[in-house]
C-alpha atoms as a PDB file:
ATOM      1  CA  MET A   1     -86.915  35.326  14.627  1.00  0.00           C
ATOM      2  CA  ALA A   2     -88.445  31.992  15.557  1.00  0.00           C
ATOM      3  CA  SER A   3     -88.994  31.033  11.903  1.00  0.00           C
ATOM      4  CA  GLY A   4     -85.350  31.850  11.098  1.00  0.00           C
ATOM      5  CA  ALA A   5     -84.139  29.679  13.959  1.00  0.00           C
ATOM      6  CA  TYR A   6     -86.456  26.901  12.818  1.00  0.00           C
ATOM      7  CA  ARG A   7     -85.074  27.072   9.273  1.00  0.00           C
ATOM      8  CA  LEU A   8     -81.474  26.987  10.490  1.00  0.00           C
ATOM      9  CA  SER A   9     -82.122  24.030  12.786  1.00  0.00           C
ATOM     10  CA  ARG A  10     -83.983  22.194  10.013  1.00  0.00           C
ATOM     11  CA  LEU A  11     -81.178  22.753   7.508  1.00  0.00           C
ATOM     12  CA  SER A  12     -78.503  21.634   9.955  1.00  0.00           C
ATOM     13  CA  ALA A  13     -80.521  18.541  10.873  1.00  0.00           C
ATOM     14  CA  LEU A  14     -81.025  17.672   7.201  1.00  0.00           C
ATOM     15  CA  LYS A  15     -77.347  18.230   6.465  1.00  0.00           C
ATOM     16  CA  ASN A  16     -76.290  15.960   9.336  1.00  0.00           C
ATOM     17  CA  THR A  17     -78.648  13.113   8.381  1.00  0.00           C
ATOM     18  CA  GLY A  18     -77.913  13.240   4.658  1.00  0.00           C
ATOM     19  CA  VAL A  19     -81.527  14.026   3.725  1.00  0.00           C
ATOM     20  CA  SER A  20     -81.772  16.709   1.090  1.00  0.00           C
ATOM     21  CA  THR A  21     -84.662  18.656  -0.341  1.00  0.00           C
ATOM     22  CA  LEU A  22     -83.152  18.324  -3.807  1.00  0.00           C
ATOM     23  CA  ASN A  23     -83.307  15.094  -5.785  1.00  0.00           C
ATOM     24  CA  THR A  24     -79.768  15.349  -7.106  1.00  0.00           C
ATOM     25  CA  GLY A  25     -79.230  11.674  -7.960  1.00  0.00           C
ATOM     26  CA  THR A  26     -75.842  11.708  -6.257  1.00  0.00           C
ATOM     27  CA  ARG A  27     -74.228   8.558  -5.001  1.00  0.00           C
ATOM     28  CA  CYS A  28     -74.651   7.424  -1.410  1.00  0.00           C
ATOM     29  CA  PRO A  29     -71.732   8.156   0.888  1.00  0.00           C
ATOM     30  CA  GLY A  30     -69.454   5.144   1.298  1.00  0.00           C
ATOM     31  CA  SER A  31     -70.932   3.352  -1.716  1.00  0.00           C
ATOM     32  CA  ARG A  32     -69.274   3.116  -5.099  1.00  0.00           C
ATOM     33  CA  PHE A  33     -71.910   1.567  -7.314  1.00  0.00           C
ATOM     34  CA  THR A  34     -75.356   2.068  -5.820  1.00  0.00           C
ATOM     35  CA  GLN A  35     -77.186   5.292  -6.359  1.00  0.00           C
ATOM     36  CA  CYS A  36     -79.588   6.425  -3.692  1.00  0.00           C
ATOM     37  CA  ARG A  37     -82.367   8.933  -3.541  1.00  0.00           C
ATOM     38  CA  ASN A  38     -81.656  11.632  -1.009  1.00  0.00           C
ATOM     39  CA  ALA A  39     -84.911  13.543  -1.357  1.00  0.00           C
ATOM     40  CA  VAL A  40     -87.926  12.265   0.552  1.00  0.00           C
ATOM     41  CA  PHE A  41     -90.067  15.369   0.240  1.00  0.00           C
ATOM     42  CA  THR A  42     -90.540  18.275  -2.137  1.00  0.00           C
ATOM     43  CA  ALA A  43     -89.735  21.898  -1.428  1.00  0.00           C
ATOM     44  CA  SER A  44     -93.408  22.542  -0.697  1.00  0.00           C
ATOM     45  CA  GLY A  45     -93.472  19.752   1.916  1.00  0.00           C
ATOM     46  CA  GLY A  46     -95.196  16.987  -0.067  1.00  0.00           C
ATOM     47  CA  ILE A  47     -93.887  13.453   0.346  1.00  0.00           C
ATOM     48  CA  LEU A  48     -92.471  11.946  -2.843  1.00  0.00           C
ATOM     49  CA  PRO A  49     -93.820   8.580  -4.060  1.00  0.00           C
ATOM     50  CA  LYS A  50     -91.909   5.382  -3.408  1.00  0.00           C
ATOM     51  CA  PRO A  51     -89.165   4.654  -5.947  1.00  0.00           C
ATOM     52  CA  VAL A  52     -89.638   1.839  -8.432  1.00  0.00           C
ATOM     53  CA  LYS A  53     -88.423  -1.459  -7.008  1.00  0.00           C
ATOM     54  CA  THR A  54     -86.868  -3.994  -9.360  1.00  0.00           C
ATOM     55  CA  SER A  55     -87.925  -7.439  -8.248  1.00  0.00           C
ATOM     56  CA  PHE A  56     -85.512 -10.346  -8.623  1.00  0.00           C
ATOM     57  CA  GLY A  57     -87.710 -13.368  -9.089  1.00  0.00           C
ATOM     58  CA  LEU A  58     -86.941 -17.030  -8.958  1.00  0.00           C
ATOM     59  CA  PHE A  59     -86.324 -17.185 -12.709  1.00  0.00           C
ATOM     60  CA  ARG A  60     -83.705 -14.432 -12.658  1.00  0.00           C
ATOM     61  CA  MET A  61     -81.993 -15.980  -9.674  1.00  0.00           C
ATOM     62  CA  THR A  62     -81.930 -19.383 -11.393  1.00  0.00           C
ATOM     63  CA  VAL A  63     -80.496 -17.895 -14.591  1.00  0.00           C
ATOM     64  CA  ILE A  64     -77.578 -16.508 -12.587  1.00  0.00           C
ATOM     65  CA  VAL A  65     -76.949 -19.269 -10.031  1.00  0.00           C
ATOM     66  CA  VAL A  66     -77.134 -22.415 -12.189  1.00  0.00           C
ATOM     67  CA  PRO A  67     -74.460 -21.482 -14.786  1.00  0.00           C
ATOM     68  CA  PHE A  68     -72.026 -20.302 -12.119  1.00  0.00           C
ATOM     69  CA  LEU A  69     -72.534 -23.479 -10.074  1.00  0.00           C
ATOM     70  CA  TYR A  70     -71.911 -25.548 -13.209  1.00  0.00           C
ATOM     71  CA  VAL A  71     -68.738 -23.646 -14.097  1.00  0.00           C
ATOM     72  CA  GLY A  72     -67.496 -23.926 -10.503  1.00  0.00           C
ATOM     73  CA  THR A  73     -68.130 -27.660 -10.557  1.00  0.00           C
ATOM     74  CA  LEU A  74     -66.166 -28.067 -13.802  1.00  0.00           C
ATOM     75  CA  ILE A  75     -63.235 -26.046 -12.459  1.00  0.00           C
ATOM     76  CA  SER A  76     -63.047 -28.019  -9.212  1.00  0.00           C
ATOM     77  CA  LYS A  77     -63.354 -31.363 -11.034  1.00  0.00           C
ATOM     78  CA  ASN A  78     -60.545 -30.479 -13.454  1.00  0.00           C
ATOM     79  CA  PHE A  79     -58.324 -29.183 -10.667  1.00  0.00           C
ATOM     80  CA  ALA A  80     -58.872 -32.336  -8.598  1.00  0.00           C
ATOM     81  CA  ALA A  81     -57.918 -34.443 -11.642  1.00  0.00           C
ATOM     82  CA  LEU A  82     -54.777 -32.335 -12.116  1.00  0.00           C
ATOM     83  CA  LEU A  83     -53.757 -32.804  -8.466  1.00  0.00           C
ATOM     84  CA  GLU A  84     -54.304 -36.555  -8.678  1.00  0.00           C
ATOM     85  CA  GLU A  85     -52.375 -36.776 -11.956  1.00  0.00           C
ATOM     86  CA  HIS A  86     -49.315 -35.105 -10.437  1.00  0.00           C
ATOM     87  CA  ASP A  87     -49.606 -37.118  -7.198  1.00  0.00           C
ATOM     88  CA  ILE A  88     -49.951 -33.958  -5.129  1.00  0.00           C
ATOM     89  CA  PHE A  89     -53.059 -35.011  -3.278  1.00  0.00           C
ATOM     90  CA  VAL A  90     -53.974 -38.635  -3.662  1.00  0.00           C
ATOM     91  CA  PRO A  91     -56.109 -40.333  -1.036  1.00  0.00           C
ATOM     92  CA  GLU A  92     -54.484 -43.468   0.277  1.00  0.00           C
ATOM     93  CA  ASP A  93     -56.307 -46.776   0.184  1.00  0.00           C
ATOM     94  CA  ASP A  94     -55.887 -48.121   3.685  1.00  0.00           C
ATOM     95  CA  ASP A  95     -57.055 -51.627   4.362  1.00  0.00           C
ATOM     96  CA  ASP A  96     -58.183 -51.771   7.946  1.00  0.00           C
ATOM     97  CA  ASP A  97     -59.188 -55.414   7.913  1.00  0.00           C
ATOM     98  CA  ASP A  98     -56.781 -56.385  10.721  1.00  0.00           C
END
C-alpha cells in the first residue's frame, strides 16, 4: 500500500512540475520555437547526461552584429537625407552671437 501511494504521489508531482520520465522531445509549454528536454532521469532511476550546449563565440556574434549594424546605419543615413531633402526635419542654424 505504501509503495502504491508513493508511486501516485511521485507521478502527480512529476505531472505538476512538467518533469517526465520519457524523453519525448516535445516543445516547452509557452514556447513556440525552443525545444526542451523534459526527462532528467531514466526509468531505472539513472540521471541522464547533460545535453550538448552550442556555444556562441565572439566570432559568431561578430558575424551577426556587424552586418546588421551596417545595414541599420545605411537605412538611418538615407532616411535622414530624405527628411532633409523634403524639409521635414531640418535643423535651424541659429546665430547666438548677440
